[in-house]
Protein backbone atom coordinates (compact mmCIF):
# COMPACT_ATOMS: atom_id res chain seq x y z
CA MET A 1 -21.35 6.35 -4.52
CA SER A 2 -20.40 10.01 -4.20
CA LYS A 3 -18.90 11.97 -7.07
CA ALA A 4 -15.66 12.41 -5.11
CA MET A 5 -15.21 8.64 -4.89
CA MET A 6 -15.80 8.28 -8.63
CA ALA A 7 -12.88 10.66 -9.25
CA TYR A 8 -10.50 8.20 -7.55
CA PRO A 9 -10.92 4.73 -9.11
CA ASP A 10 -8.49 3.17 -6.62
CA LEU A 11 -10.84 4.07 -3.77
CA ARG A 12 -13.84 2.30 -5.26
CA HIS A 13 -12.70 -1.07 -3.90
CA PRO A 14 -10.10 -0.25 -1.21
CA PHE A 15 -9.84 -3.81 0.13
CA GLU A 16 -9.46 -5.53 -3.22
CA GLU A 17 -6.03 -7.12 -3.63
CA LYS A 18 -4.02 -5.59 -6.45
CA ALA A 19 -0.50 -6.30 -7.64
CA ILE A 20 1.93 -3.53 -6.70
CA HIS A 21 4.24 -4.24 -9.63
CA PRO A 22 4.28 -6.39 -12.77
CA GLN A 23 4.55 -10.18 -12.58
CA GLY A 24 8.17 -11.34 -12.36
CA SER A 25 9.43 -8.19 -10.63
CA ALA A 26 10.02 -7.40 -6.95
CA THR A 27 10.72 -4.57 -4.53
CA VAL A 28 13.64 -4.58 -2.09
CA LEU A 29 13.79 -2.18 0.86
CA TYR A 30 17.34 -1.68 2.09
CA GLN A 31 18.78 1.13 4.22
CA GLY A 32 16.00 3.56 3.42
CA ARG A 33 16.20 2.83 -0.30
CA ASN A 34 13.43 1.35 -2.39
CA VAL A 35 14.89 -0.78 -5.19
CA THR A 36 12.51 -2.17 -7.81
CA LEU A 37 13.89 -5.15 -9.68
CA SER A 38 12.42 -5.67 -13.13
CA GLU A 39 13.26 -9.37 -13.15
CA VAL A 40 13.54 -11.94 -10.35
CA GLY A 41 13.46 -15.71 -10.24
CA ASP A 42 10.48 -17.79 -9.17
CA GLY A 43 10.17 -19.24 -5.68
CA ASN A 44 9.96 -18.22 -2.04
CA SER A 45 13.51 -16.87 -1.85
CA LEU A 46 14.67 -13.69 -3.54
CA LEU A 47 16.54 -14.75 -6.66
CA ILE A 48 18.13 -11.74 -8.36
CA ARG A 49 20.39 -11.24 -11.35
CA PRO A 50 24.01 -11.13 -10.12
CA ASP A 51 24.39 -7.70 -11.76
CA ASP A 52 21.64 -6.30 -9.49
CA LEU A 53 23.51 -7.04 -6.22
CA PRO A 54 25.58 -3.79 -6.06
CA GLY A 55 22.46 -1.68 -6.59
CA ILE A 56 20.74 -3.35 -3.65
CA ASN A 57 23.34 -3.61 -0.89
CA GLY A 58 26.64 -2.38 -2.35
CA PHE A 59 28.26 -5.84 -2.52
CA VAL A 60 30.17 -6.71 -5.68
CA LEU A 61 30.69 -10.30 -6.81
CA LYS A 62 34.39 -11.03 -7.33
CA PRO A 63 36.38 -14.27 -7.66
CA GLN A 64 37.20 -14.14 -3.92
CA GLY A 65 33.52 -13.75 -2.97
CA ALA A 66 30.99 -11.00 -2.37
CA CYS A 67 32.90 -7.85 -1.42
CA TYR A 68 31.82 -4.61 0.22
CA ALA A 69 34.65 -2.06 0.55
CA ASP A 70 37.49 -4.02 2.22
CA MET A 71 35.26 -6.83 3.52
CA CYS A 72 34.91 -9.98 1.37
CA ILE A 73 32.59 -12.86 2.20
CA PRO A 74 33.57 -16.18 0.60
CA ILE A 75 30.54 -17.65 -1.14
CA GLY A 76 30.02 -21.01 -2.74
CA GLU A 77 28.12 -22.08 -5.79
CA SER A 78 25.14 -22.91 -3.55
CA LEU A 79 24.12 -19.23 -3.64
CA PHE A 80 23.82 -19.37 -7.42
CA VAL A 81 20.69 -21.00 -8.80
CA GLU A 82 19.98 -21.85 -12.41
CA ARG A 83 16.35 -21.78 -13.53
CA ASN A 84 14.91 -21.64 -17.03
CA GLY A 85 18.39 -21.23 -18.51
CA LYS A 86 19.19 -18.16 -16.38
CA LYS A 87 21.66 -17.85 -13.52
CA TRP A 88 20.32 -16.20 -10.36
CA PHE A 89 21.90 -15.12 -7.07
CA ASP A 90 19.94 -16.13 -3.94
CA LEU A 91 19.92 -12.90 -1.91
CA THR A 92 17.94 -14.40 0.98
CA ALA A 93 20.47 -17.26 1.34
CA PHE A 94 23.26 -14.65 1.31
CA ALA A 95 21.46 -12.71 4.06
CA ASP A 96 21.13 -15.94 6.07
CA LEU A 97 24.88 -16.55 5.62
CA LEU A 98 25.63 -13.06 6.99
CA GLY A 99 23.10 -13.33 9.82
CA GLN A 100 21.24 -10.40 8.32
CA PRO A 101 17.58 -10.25 9.38
CA TYR A 102 14.92 -9.74 6.74
CA VAL A 103 11.17 -9.96 6.32
CA ALA A 104 9.25 -10.74 3.18
CA ASP A 105 5.76 -10.55 1.80
CA ILE A 106 6.18 -13.27 -0.78
CA ASN A 107 2.74 -12.77 -2.34
CA ALA A 108 3.41 -9.05 -2.89
CA ARG A 109 7.07 -9.79 -3.84
CA VAL A 110 8.49 -7.29 -1.32
CA TRP A 111 11.60 -7.94 0.82
CA SER A 112 12.99 -5.69 3.55
CA PHE A 113 16.55 -6.25 4.79
CA ALA A 114 18.05 -4.97 8.06
CA GLU A 115 21.65 -3.81 8.48
CA ILE A 116 24.37 -6.46 8.16
CA PRO A 117 25.55 -7.38 11.70
CA SER A 118 29.27 -6.93 11.00
CA ARG A 119 28.65 -3.42 9.64
CA ARG A 120 26.55 -2.57 12.73
CA GLN A 121 29.42 -3.71 14.97
CA ASP A 122 31.98 -1.71 12.97
CA MET A 123 29.95 1.44 13.53
CA MET A 124 30.01 0.91 17.30
CA VAL A 125 33.76 0.23 17.68
CA ASP A 126 34.84 3.86 17.73
CA ALA A 127 31.49 5.62 17.77
CA MET A 128 31.89 8.83 19.73
CA ALA A 129 29.02 11.11 20.59
CA PRO A 130 29.71 14.78 19.89
CA ASP A 131 30.47 16.97 22.87
CA PHE A 132 27.44 18.99 23.89
CA GLU A 133 25.87 20.37 27.03
CA VAL A 134 22.32 20.36 28.35
CA THR A 135 20.62 21.66 31.45
CA ASP A 136 19.09 18.97 33.65
CA ARG A 137 15.83 19.26 35.60
CA GLU A 138 17.63 20.81 38.57
CA GLY A 139 19.23 23.55 36.47
CA GLN A 140 22.73 22.00 36.47
CA VAL A 141 24.69 22.10 33.22
CA VAL A 142 25.77 18.61 32.17
CA ARG A 143 28.42 18.25 29.49
CA MET A 144 29.06 15.09 27.54
CA ALA A 145 32.77 15.47 28.29
CA ASP A 146 31.97 15.14 32.03
CA LEU A 147 30.73 11.61 31.38
CA LYS A 148 33.95 10.41 29.75
CA GLY A 149 34.63 6.78 30.60
CA LYS A 150 31.06 6.22 31.77
CA LYS A 151 28.13 4.74 29.96
CA ALA A 152 25.35 7.25 29.41
CA LEU A 153 21.81 6.85 28.18
CA ILE A 154 20.58 9.90 26.31
CA VAL A 155 16.82 10.08 25.89
CA THR A 156 15.23 12.69 23.65
CA TRP A 157 11.64 13.55 22.94
CA SER A 158 9.87 15.77 20.50
CA SER A 159 6.22 16.61 20.07
CA TRP A 160 6.45 16.46 16.30
């Protein structure tokens, strides 16, 4: 083995499976954020401490349900699980309730959640593209304002 490889112990066995975080913890990827939870419940679903919910997706547990800004989702006791004397919140069951897609690598204890559908729809209700102008292939100036009331597909490309 070369001296350079010896300087990087992780490269000695690149295909050997290694834990990415301590046993009993997990990583949640949500909206470009990487949240590492120091403690999660056992099982194939993501069981988190109820206090960790706001740090993951911004929802706060209240008597009327799980609330985000002015939106509250009524939740039942079925989303709360008790194991080993601790009370957990089942985040994957909550995502299923909302219709929120997610993927998980259960062995690595990593979950990645997509945007909540109702929040995606809210963004599109009054989404307005800024007014701008571009020159088309024929040299004509096209302004966004000229397309008012029409659907337009804007395709961009960059070499980097």
